[in-house]
Full PDB file with SEQRES, HELIX, SHEET, SSBOND, CRYST1, ORIGX, SCALE, CONECT and MASTER records, all heavy atoms in Angstrom:
SEQRES   1 A   36  ILE ASN VAL ILE MET ILE SER GLN GLY SER SER GLN HIS          
SEQRES   2 A   36  ASN ILE SER PHE ALA ILE SER GLU LYS ASP ALA GLU GLU          
SEQRES   3 A   36  ALA VAL ARG VAL LEU HIS GLN GLU PHE GLY                      
HELIX    1 AA1 GLU A   21  ASP A   23  5                                   3    
HELIX    2 AA2 ALA A   24  GLU A   34  1                                  11    
SHEET    1 AA1 2 VAL A   3  GLN A   8  0                                        
SHEET    2 AA1 2 ILE A  15  ILE A  19 -1                                        
CRYST1    1.000    1.000    1.000  90.00  90.00  90.00 P 1           1          
ORIGX1      1.000000  0.000000  0.000000        0.00000                         
ORIGX2      0.000000  1.000000  0.000000        0.00000                         
ORIGX3      0.000000  0.000000  1.000000        0.00000                         
SCALE1      1.000000  0.000000  0.000000        0.00000                         
SCALE2      0.000000  1.000000  0.000000        0.00000                         
SCALE3      0.000000  0.000000  1.000000        0.00000                         
ATOM      1  N   ILE A   1       3.737  -5.663  22.245  1.00  0.00           N  
ATOM      2  CA  ILE A   1       4.675  -6.319  21.329  1.00  0.00           C  
ATOM      3  C   ILE A   1       6.034  -6.428  22.020  1.00  0.00           C  
ATOM      4  O   ILE A   1       6.627  -5.413  22.409  1.00  0.00           O  
ATOM      5  CB  ILE A   1       4.804  -5.526  20.016  1.00  0.00           C  
ATOM      6  CG1 ILE A   1       3.455  -5.530  19.283  1.00  0.00           C  
ATOM      7  CG2 ILE A   1       5.901  -6.124  19.128  1.00  0.00           C  
ATOM      8  CD1 ILE A   1       3.369  -4.552  18.135  1.00  0.00           C  
ATOM      9  N   ASN A   2       6.516  -7.650  22.181  1.00  0.00           N  
ATOM     10  CA  ASN A   2       7.773  -7.889  22.884  1.00  0.00           C  
ATOM     11  C   ASN A   2       8.966  -7.743  21.938  1.00  0.00           C  
ATOM     12  O   ASN A   2       8.948  -8.244  20.818  1.00  0.00           O  
ATOM     13  CB  ASN A   2       7.771  -9.301  23.481  1.00  0.00           C  
ATOM     14  CG  ASN A   2       9.020  -9.569  24.292  1.00  0.00           C  
ATOM     15  OD1 ASN A   2       9.395  -8.775  25.146  1.00  0.00           O  
ATOM     16  ND2 ASN A   2       9.677 -10.697  24.021  1.00  0.00           N  
ATOM     17  N   VAL A   3       9.996  -7.028  22.396  1.00  0.00           N  
ATOM     18  CA  VAL A   3      11.217  -6.824  21.609  1.00  0.00           C  
ATOM     19  C   VAL A   3      12.267  -7.819  22.062  1.00  0.00           C  
ATOM     20  O   VAL A   3      12.576  -7.912  23.251  1.00  0.00           O  
ATOM     21  CB  VAL A   3      11.730  -5.379  21.761  1.00  0.00           C  
ATOM     22  CG1 VAL A   3      13.036  -5.198  20.995  1.00  0.00           C  
ATOM     23  CG2 VAL A   3      10.695  -4.385  21.269  1.00  0.00           C  
ATOM     24  N   ILE A   4      12.839  -8.558  21.102  1.00  0.00           N  
ATOM     25  CA  ILE A   4      13.816  -9.600  21.419  1.00  0.00           C  
ATOM     26  C   ILE A   4      15.233  -9.040  21.480  1.00  0.00           C  
ATOM     27  O   ILE A   4      16.041  -9.423  22.314  1.00  0.00           O  
ATOM     28  CB  ILE A   4      13.750 -10.724  20.358  1.00  0.00           C  
ATOM     29  CG1 ILE A   4      12.366 -11.379  20.365  1.00  0.00           C  
ATOM     30  CG2 ILE A   4      14.836 -11.768  20.575  1.00  0.00           C  
ATOM     31  CD1 ILE A   4      12.116 -12.304  19.178  1.00  0.00           C  
ATOM     32  N   MET A   5      15.528  -8.088  20.612  1.00  0.00           N  
ATOM     33  CA  MET A   5      16.904  -7.597  20.454  1.00  0.00           C  
ATOM     34  C   MET A   5      16.870  -6.202  19.860  1.00  0.00           C  
ATOM     35  O   MET A   5      16.033  -5.902  19.011  1.00  0.00           O  
ATOM     36  CB  MET A   5      17.644  -8.569  19.531  1.00  0.00           C  
ATOM     37  CG  MET A   5      18.995  -8.150  19.030  1.00  0.00           C  
ATOM     38  SD  MET A   5      19.580  -9.413  17.856  1.00  0.00           S  
ATOM     39  CE  MET A   5      20.965  -8.558  17.127  1.00  0.00           C  
ATOM     40  N   ILE A   6      17.762  -5.298  20.307  1.00  0.00           N  
ATOM     41  CA  ILE A   6      17.775  -3.911  19.856  1.00  0.00           C  
ATOM     42  C   ILE A   6      19.168  -3.543  19.359  1.00  0.00           C  
ATOM     43  O   ILE A   6      20.180  -3.953  19.931  1.00  0.00           O  
ATOM     44  CB  ILE A   6      17.388  -2.944  21.001  1.00  0.00           C  
ATOM     45  CG1 ILE A   6      15.999  -3.278  21.552  1.00  0.00           C  
ATOM     46  CG2 ILE A   6      17.426  -1.496  20.535  1.00  0.00           C  
ATOM     47  CD1 ILE A   6      15.674  -2.557  22.844  1.00  0.00           C  
ATOM     48  N   SER A   7      19.215  -2.708  18.293  1.00  0.00           N  
ATOM     49  CA  SER A   7      20.493  -2.195  17.800  1.00  0.00           C  
ATOM     50  C   SER A   7      20.296  -0.771  17.304  1.00  0.00           C  
ATOM     51  O   SER A   7      19.333  -0.473  16.604  1.00  0.00           O  
ATOM     52  CB  SER A   7      21.010  -3.075  16.656  1.00  0.00           C  
ATOM     53  OG  SER A   7      22.215  -2.556  16.130  1.00  0.00           O  
ATOM     54  N   GLN A   8      21.208   0.130  17.695  1.00  0.00           N  
ATOM     55  CA  GLN A   8      21.185   1.495  17.173  1.00  0.00           C  
ATOM     56  C   GLN A   8      22.605   1.953  16.922  1.00  0.00           C  
ATOM     57  O   GLN A   8      23.455   1.871  17.809  1.00  0.00           O  
ATOM     58  CB  GLN A   8      20.495   2.472  18.128  1.00  0.00           C  
ATOM     59  CG  GLN A   8      20.441   3.895  17.563  1.00  0.00           C  
ATOM     60  CD  GLN A   8      19.660   4.872  18.440  1.00  0.00           C  
ATOM     61  OE1 GLN A   8      19.421   4.600  19.595  1.00  0.00           O  
ATOM     62  NE2 GLN A   8      19.269   5.991  17.869  1.00  0.00           N  
ATOM     63  N   GLY A   9      22.870   2.427  15.709  1.00  0.00           N  
ATOM     64  CA  GLY A   9      24.198   2.912  15.368  1.00  0.00           C  
ATOM     65  C   GLY A   9      24.458   4.284  15.958  1.00  0.00           C  
ATOM     66  O   GLY A   9      23.525   5.017  16.292  1.00  0.00           O  
ATOM     67  N   SER A  10      25.734   4.650  16.055  1.00  0.00           N  
ATOM     68  CA  SER A  10      26.083   5.952  16.628  1.00  0.00           C  
ATOM     69  C   SER A  10      25.607   7.103  15.751  1.00  0.00           C  
ATOM     70  O   SER A  10      25.469   8.229  16.215  1.00  0.00           O  
ATOM     71  CB  SER A  10      27.600   6.042  16.832  1.00  0.00           C  
ATOM     72  OG  SER A  10      28.274   5.860  15.605  1.00  0.00           O  
ATOM     73  N   SER A  11      25.353   6.830  14.461  1.00  0.00           N  
ATOM     74  CA  SER A  11      24.851   7.880  13.567  1.00  0.00           C  
ATOM     75  C   SER A  11      23.429   8.294  13.931  1.00  0.00           C  
ATOM     76  O   SER A  11      22.976   9.368  13.548  1.00  0.00           O  
ATOM     77  CB  SER A  11      24.870   7.383  12.118  1.00  0.00           C  
ATOM     78  OG  SER A  11      23.899   6.363  11.926  1.00  0.00           O  
ATOM     79  N   GLN A  12      22.706   7.399  14.650  1.00  0.00           N  
ATOM     80  CA  GLN A  12      21.328   7.656  15.086  1.00  0.00           C  
ATOM     81  C   GLN A  12      20.366   7.885  13.922  1.00  0.00           C  
ATOM     82  O   GLN A  12      19.353   8.560  14.057  1.00  0.00           O  
ATOM     83  CB  GLN A  12      21.265   8.841  16.060  1.00  0.00           C  
ATOM     84  CG  GLN A  12      22.062   8.613  17.336  1.00  0.00           C  
ATOM     85  CD  GLN A  12      21.933   9.768  18.311  1.00  0.00           C  
ATOM     86  OE1 GLN A  12      20.839  10.248  18.571  1.00  0.00           O  
ATOM     87  NE2 GLN A  12      23.041  10.216  18.863  1.00  0.00           N  
ATOM     88  N   HIS A  13      20.686   7.303  12.765  1.00  0.00           N  
ATOM     89  CA  HIS A  13      19.781   7.426  11.623  1.00  0.00           C  
ATOM     90  C   HIS A  13      18.743   6.319  11.600  1.00  0.00           C  
ATOM     91  O   HIS A  13      17.800   6.377  10.842  1.00  0.00           O  
ATOM     92  CB  HIS A  13      20.565   7.407  10.306  1.00  0.00           C  
ATOM     93  CG  HIS A  13      21.414   8.623  10.118  1.00  0.00           C  
ATOM     94  ND1 HIS A  13      22.682   8.573   9.578  1.00  0.00           N  
ATOM     95  CD2 HIS A  13      21.190   9.923  10.408  1.00  0.00           C  
ATOM     96  CE1 HIS A  13      23.196   9.796   9.541  1.00  0.00           C  
ATOM     97  NE2 HIS A  13      22.312  10.630  10.038  1.00  0.00           N  
ATOM     98  N   ASN A  14      18.956   5.291  12.403  1.00  0.00           N  
ATOM     99  CA  ASN A  14      17.939   4.249  12.495  1.00  0.00           C  
ATOM    100  C   ASN A  14      17.982   3.554  13.850  1.00  0.00           C  
ATOM    101  O   ASN A  14      19.032   3.501  14.503  1.00  0.00           O  
ATOM    102  CB  ASN A  14      18.083   3.234  11.347  1.00  0.00           C  
ATOM    103  CG  ASN A  14      19.026   2.104  11.679  1.00  0.00           C  
ATOM    104  OD1 ASN A  14      18.698   1.234  12.476  1.00  0.00           O  
ATOM    105  ND2 ASN A  14      20.199   2.093  11.061  1.00  0.00           N  
ATOM    106  N   ILE A  15      16.826   3.065  14.249  1.00  0.00           N  
ATOM    107  CA  ILE A  15      16.720   2.166  15.400  1.00  0.00           C  
ATOM    108  C   ILE A  15      16.131   0.880  14.854  1.00  0.00           C  
ATOM    109  O   ILE A  15      15.050   0.886  14.258  1.00  0.00           O  
ATOM    110  CB  ILE A  15      15.788   2.734  16.487  1.00  0.00           C  
ATOM    111  CG1 ILE A  15      16.317   4.070  17.015  1.00  0.00           C  
ATOM    112  CG2 ILE A  15      15.628   1.732  17.632  1.00  0.00           C  
ATOM    113  CD1 ILE A  15      15.336   4.787  17.932  1.00  0.00           C  
ATOM    114  N   SER A  16      16.865  -0.209  14.990  1.00  0.00           N  
ATOM    115  CA  SER A  16      16.365  -1.483  14.481  1.00  0.00           C  
ATOM    116  C   SER A  16      16.255  -2.487  15.622  1.00  0.00           C  
ATOM    117  O   SER A  16      17.022  -2.443  16.583  1.00  0.00           O  
ATOM    118  CB  SER A  16      17.279  -2.018  13.376  1.00  0.00           C  
ATOM    119  OG  SER A  16      18.626  -1.980  13.760  1.00  0.00           O  
ATOM    120  N   PHE A  17      15.302  -3.371  15.502  1.00  0.00           N  
ATOM    121  CA  PHE A  17      15.075  -4.351  16.561  1.00  0.00           C  
ATOM    122  C   PHE A  17      14.448  -5.609  15.991  1.00  0.00           C  
ATOM    123  O   PHE A  17      13.783  -5.586  14.947  1.00  0.00           O  
ATOM    124  CB  PHE A  17      14.195  -3.760  17.673  1.00  0.00           C  
ATOM    125  CG  PHE A  17      12.914  -3.150  17.179  1.00  0.00           C  
ATOM    126  CD1 PHE A  17      11.752  -3.900  17.073  1.00  0.00           C  
ATOM    127  CD2 PHE A  17      12.871  -1.811  16.806  1.00  0.00           C  
ATOM    128  CE1 PHE A  17      10.587  -3.336  16.606  1.00  0.00           C  
ATOM    129  CE2 PHE A  17      11.700  -1.238  16.333  1.00  0.00           C  
ATOM    130  CZ  PHE A  17      10.546  -2.005  16.228  1.00  0.00           C  
ATOM    131  N   ALA A  18      14.703  -6.720  16.668  1.00  0.00           N  
ATOM    132  CA  ALA A  18      14.135  -8.003  16.268  1.00  0.00           C  
ATOM    133  C   ALA A  18      12.938  -8.318  17.151  1.00  0.00           C  
ATOM    134  O   ALA A  18      12.969  -8.084  18.360  1.00  0.00           O  
ATOM    135  CB  ALA A  18      15.182  -9.109  16.396  1.00  0.00           C  
ATOM    136  N   ILE A  19      11.890  -8.821  16.512  1.00  0.00           N  
ATOM    137  CA  ILE A  19      10.686  -9.221  17.236  1.00  0.00           C  
ATOM    138  C   ILE A  19      10.182 -10.539  16.664  1.00  0.00           C  
ATOM    139  O   ILE A  19      10.644 -10.992  15.618  1.00  0.00           O  
ATOM    140  CB  ILE A  19       9.564  -8.157  17.126  1.00  0.00           C  
ATOM    141  CG1 ILE A  19       9.234  -7.877  15.653  1.00  0.00           C  
ATOM    142  CG2 ILE A  19       9.940  -6.877  17.832  1.00  0.00           C  
ATOM    143  CD1 ILE A  19       8.075  -6.934  15.459  1.00  0.00           C  
ATOM    144  N   SER A  20       9.232 -11.147  17.370  1.00  0.00           N  
ATOM    145  CA  SER A  20       8.642 -12.390  16.889  1.00  0.00           C  
ATOM    146  C   SER A  20       7.951 -12.155  15.551  1.00  0.00           C  
ATOM    147  O   SER A  20       7.334 -11.114  15.325  1.00  0.00           O  
ATOM    148  CB  SER A  20       7.635 -12.910  17.911  1.00  0.00           C  
ATOM    149  OG  SER A  20       6.933 -14.019  17.392  1.00  0.00           O  
ATOM    150  N   GLU A  21       8.050 -13.138  14.669  1.00  0.00           N  
ATOM    151  CA  GLU A  21       7.453 -13.017  13.340  1.00  0.00           C  
ATOM    152  C   GLU A  21       5.959 -12.733  13.402  1.00  0.00           C  
ATOM    153  O   GLU A  21       5.424 -11.968  12.602  1.00  0.00           O  
ATOM    154  CB  GLU A  21       7.712 -14.301  12.549  1.00  0.00           C  
ATOM    155  CG  GLU A  21       7.310 -14.220  11.093  1.00  0.00           C  
ATOM    156  CD  GLU A  21       7.729 -15.446  10.307  1.00  0.00           C  
ATOM    157  OE1 GLU A  21       8.027 -16.479  10.939  1.00  0.00           O  
ATOM    158  OE2 GLU A  21       7.760 -15.359   9.067  1.00  0.00           O  
ATOM    159  N   LYS A  22       5.272 -13.311  14.386  1.00  0.00           N  
ATOM    160  CA  LYS A  22       3.820 -13.125  14.494  1.00  0.00           C  
ATOM    161  C   LYS A  22       3.442 -11.685  14.839  1.00  0.00           C  
ATOM    162  O   LYS A  22       2.318 -11.251  14.582  1.00  0.00           O  
ATOM    163  CB  LYS A  22       3.234 -14.087  15.527  1.00  0.00           C  
ATOM    164  CG  LYS A  22       3.677 -13.834  16.966  1.00  0.00           C  
ATOM    165  CD  LYS A  22       3.051 -14.832  17.926  1.00  0.00           C  
ATOM    166  CE  LYS A  22       3.558 -14.659  19.332  1.00  0.00           C  
ATOM    167  NZ  LYS A  22       3.332 -13.313  19.918  1.00  0.00           N  
ATOM    168  N   ASP A  23       4.373 -10.932  15.422  1.00  0.00           N  
ATOM    169  CA  ASP A  23       4.093  -9.541  15.806  1.00  0.00           C  
ATOM    170  C   ASP A  23       4.585  -8.517  14.783  1.00  0.00           C  
ATOM    171  O   ASP A  23       4.371  -7.310  14.958  1.00  0.00           O  
ATOM    172  CB  ASP A  23       4.780  -9.229  17.151  1.00  0.00           C  
ATOM    173  CG  ASP A  23       4.196 -10.013  18.312  1.00  0.00           C  
ATOM    174  OD1 ASP A  23       2.984 -10.307  18.260  1.00  0.00           O  
ATOM    175  OD2 ASP A  23       4.953 -10.333  19.248  1.00  0.00           O  
ATOM    176  N   ALA A  24       5.265  -8.984  13.731  1.00  0.00           N  
ATOM    177  CA  ALA A  24       6.002  -8.077  12.845  1.00  0.00           C  
ATOM    178  C   ALA A  24       5.110  -7.042  12.169  1.00  0.00           C  
ATOM    179  O   ALA A  24       5.378  -5.827  12.236  1.00  0.00           O  
ATOM    180  CB  ALA A  24       6.758  -8.880  11.788  1.00  0.00           C  
ATOM    181  N   GLU A  25       4.066  -7.472  11.518  1.00  0.00           N  
ATOM    182  CA  GLU A  25       3.227  -6.526  10.772  1.00  0.00           C  
ATOM    183  C   GLU A  25       2.498  -5.576  11.708  1.00  0.00           C  
ATOM    184  O   GLU A  25       2.346  -4.390  11.395  1.00  0.00           O  
ATOM    185  CB  GLU A  25       2.243  -7.283   9.879  1.00  0.00           C  
ATOM    186  CG  GLU A  25       2.936  -8.012   8.742  1.00  0.00           C  
ATOM    187  CD  GLU A  25       1.962  -8.499   7.670  1.00  0.00           C  
ATOM    188  OE1 GLU A  25       0.746  -8.241   7.791  1.00  0.00           O  
ATOM    189  OE2 GLU A  25       2.426  -9.142   6.710  1.00  0.00           O  
ATOM    190  N   GLU A  26       2.078  -6.065  12.854  1.00  0.00           N  
ATOM    191  CA  GLU A  26       1.403  -5.198  13.816  1.00  0.00           C  
ATOM    192  C   GLU A  26       2.369  -4.133  14.333  1.00  0.00           C  
ATOM    193  O   GLU A  26       1.984  -2.971  14.536  1.00  0.00           O  
ATOM    194  CB  GLU A  26       0.848  -6.021  14.984  1.00  0.00           C  
ATOM    195  CG  GLU A  26       0.104  -5.208  16.044  1.00  0.00           C  
ATOM    196  CD  GLU A  26      -1.102  -4.450  15.490  1.00  0.00           C  
ATOM    197  OE1 GLU A  26      -1.627  -4.818  14.413  1.00  0.00           O  
ATOM    198  OE2 GLU A  26      -1.518  -3.471  16.136  1.00  0.00           O  
ATOM    199  N   ALA A  27       3.637  -4.505  14.523  1.00  0.00           N  
ATOM    200  CA  ALA A  27       4.641  -3.537  14.975  1.00  0.00           C  
ATOM    201  C   ALA A  27       4.805  -2.415  13.948  1.00  0.00           C  
ATOM    202  O   ALA A  27       4.890  -1.231  14.308  1.00  0.00           O  
ATOM    203  CB  ALA A  27       5.984  -4.237  15.199  1.00  0.00           C  
ATOM    204  N   VAL A  28       4.845  -2.778  12.672  1.00  0.00           N  
ATOM    205  CA  VAL A  28       4.958  -1.777  11.612  1.00  0.00           C  
ATOM    206  C   VAL A  28       3.755  -0.839  11.638  1.00  0.00           C  
ATOM    207  O   VAL A  28       3.890   0.386  11.543  1.00  0.00           O  
ATOM    208  CB  VAL A  28       5.096  -2.455  10.232  1.00  0.00           C  
ATOM    209  CG1 VAL A  28       4.994  -1.422   9.106  1.00  0.00           C  
ATOM    210  CG2 VAL A  28       6.420  -3.208  10.135  1.00  0.00           C  
ATOM    211  N   ARG A  29       2.557  -1.399  11.770  1.00  0.00           N  
ATOM    212  CA  ARG A  29       1.341  -0.571  11.801  1.00  0.00           C  
ATOM    213  C   ARG A  29       1.333   0.372  12.998  1.00  0.00           C  
ATOM    214  O   ARG A  29       0.997   1.562  12.879  1.00  0.00           O  
ATOM    215  CB  ARG A  29       0.099  -1.477  11.828  1.00  0.00           C  
ATOM    216  CG  ARG A  29      -0.219  -2.118  10.490  1.00  0.00           C  
ATOM    217  CD  ARG A  29      -1.565  -2.807  10.498  1.00  0.00           C  
ATOM    218  NE  ARG A  29      -1.508  -4.086  11.189  1.00  0.00           N  
ATOM    219  CZ  ARG A  29      -1.304  -5.254  10.583  1.00  0.00           C  
ATOM    220  NH1 ARG A  29      -1.146  -5.307   9.275  1.00  0.00           N  
ATOM    221  NH2 ARG A  29      -1.256  -6.377  11.275  1.00  0.00           N  
ATOM    222  N   VAL A  30       1.728  -0.145  14.156  1.00  0.00           N  
ATOM    223  CA  VAL A  30       1.746   0.659  15.384  1.00  0.00           C  
ATOM    224  C   VAL A  30       2.703   1.839  15.239  1.00  0.00           C  
ATOM    225  O   VAL A  30       2.367   2.988  15.577  1.00  0.00           O  
ATOM    226  CB  VAL A  30       2.152  -0.222  16.590  1.00  0.00           C  
ATOM    227  CG1 VAL A  30       2.568   0.645  17.782  1.00  0.00           C  
ATOM    228  CG2 VAL A  30       1.012  -1.150  16.987  1.00  0.00           C  
ATOM    229  N   LEU A  31       3.916   1.588  14.725  1.00  0.00           N  
ATOM    230  CA  LEU A  31       4.919   2.648  14.612  1.00  0.00           C  
ATOM    231  C   LEU A  31       4.580   3.638  13.504  1.00  0.00           C  
ATOM    232  O   LEU A  31       4.825   4.843  13.641  1.00  0.00           O  
ATOM    233  CB  LEU A  31       6.300   2.031  14.374  1.00  0.00           C  
ATOM    234  CG  LEU A  31       6.850   1.241  15.571  1.00  0.00           C  
ATOM    235  CD1 LEU A  31       8.093   0.461  15.185  1.00  0.00           C  
ATOM    236  CD2 LEU A  31       7.138   2.157  16.750  1.00  0.00           C  
ATOM    237  N   HIS A  32       4.032   3.144  12.412  1.00  0.00           N  
ATOM    238  CA  HIS A  32       3.615   4.025  11.324  1.00  0.00           C  
ATOM    239  C   HIS A  32       2.576   5.022  11.830  1.00  0.00           C  
ATOM    240  O   HIS A  32       2.626   6.224  11.514  1.00  0.00           O  
ATOM    241  CB  HIS A  32       3.042   3.183  10.182  1.00  0.00           C  
ATOM    242  CG  HIS A  32       2.955   3.899   8.869  1.00  0.00           C  
ATOM    243  ND1 HIS A  32       1.822   4.588   8.477  1.00  0.00           N  
ATOM    244  CD2 HIS A  32       3.865   4.061   7.868  1.00  0.00           C  
ATOM    245  CE1 HIS A  32       2.036   5.115   7.283  1.00  0.00           C  
ATOM    246  NE2 HIS A  32       3.260   4.818   6.887  1.00  0.00           N  
ATOM    247  N   GLN A  33       1.672   4.541  12.640  1.00  0.00           N  
ATOM    248  CA  GLN A  33       0.637   5.420  13.219  1.00  0.00           C  
ATOM    249  C   GLN A  33       1.229   6.346  14.275  1.00  0.00           C  
ATOM    250  O   GLN A  33       0.898   7.533  14.338  1.00  0.00           O  
ATOM    251  CB  GLN A  33      -0.482   4.574  13.825  1.00  0.00           C  
ATOM    252  CG  GLN A  33      -1.630   5.404  14.391  1.00  0.00           C  
ATOM    253  CD  GLN A  33      -2.772   4.544  14.894  1.00  0.00           C  
ATOM    254  OE1 GLN A  33      -2.673   3.331  14.939  1.00  0.00           O  
ATOM    255  NE2 GLN A  33      -3.864   5.180  15.283  1.00  0.00           N  
ATOM    256  N   GLU A  34       2.118   5.820  15.103  1.00  0.00           N  
ATOM    257  CA  GLU A  34       2.711   6.604  16.191  1.00  0.00           C  
ATOM    258  C   GLU A  34       3.426   7.854  15.665  1.00  0.00           C  
ATOM    259  O   GLU A  34       3.355   8.935  16.270  1.00  0.00           O  
ATOM    260  CB  GLU A  34       3.699   5.733  16.972  1.00  0.00           C  
ATOM    261  CG  GLU A  34       4.404   6.434  18.126  1.00  0.00           C  
ATOM    262  CD  GLU A  34       3.483   6.771  19.285  1.00  0.00           C  
ATOM    263  OE1 GLU A  34       2.416   6.125  19.418  1.00  0.00           O  
ATOM    264  OE2 GLU A  34       3.830   7.675  20.078  1.00  0.00           O  
ATOM    265  N   PHE A  35       4.104   7.728  14.519  1.00  0.00           N  
ATOM    266  CA  PHE A  35       4.857   8.860  13.976  1.00  0.00           C  
ATOM    267  C   PHE A  35       4.096   9.602  12.880  1.00  0.00           C  
ATOM    268  O   PHE A  35       4.658  10.473  12.205  1.00  0.00           O  
ATOM    269  CB  PHE A  35       6.217   8.382  13.467  1.00  0.00           C  
ATOM    270  CG  PHE A  35       7.162   8.001  14.578  1.00  0.00           C  
ATOM    271  CD1 PHE A  35       7.314   6.681  14.960  1.00  0.00           C  
ATOM    272  CD2 PHE A  35       7.872   8.971  15.265  1.00  0.00           C  
ATOM    273  CE1 PHE A  35       8.173   6.319  15.995  1.00  0.00           C  
ATOM    274  CE2 PHE A  35       8.734   8.633  16.303  1.00  0.00           C  
ATOM    275  CZ  PHE A  35       8.890   7.301  16.670  1.00  0.00           C  
ATOM    276  N   GLY A  36       2.812   9.275  12.722  1.00  0.00           N  
ATOM    277  CA  GLY A  36       1.960  10.006  11.780  1.00  0.00           C  
ATOM    278  C   GLY A  36       2.427   9.958  10.352  1.00  0.00           C  
ATOM    279  O   GLY A  36       2.253  10.907   9.586  1.00  0.00           O  
TER     280      GLY A  36                                                      
MASTER        0    0    0    2    2    0    0    6  279    1    0    3          
END                                                                             
């Protein structure tokens, strides 16, 4: 899954990134599984 753009605030409470719409749901599934 290719990442187009990344942003993380200094608070480090979130990491957000933009990806292609076609990859969006798969990215959510991959990360949900990765962090159990």
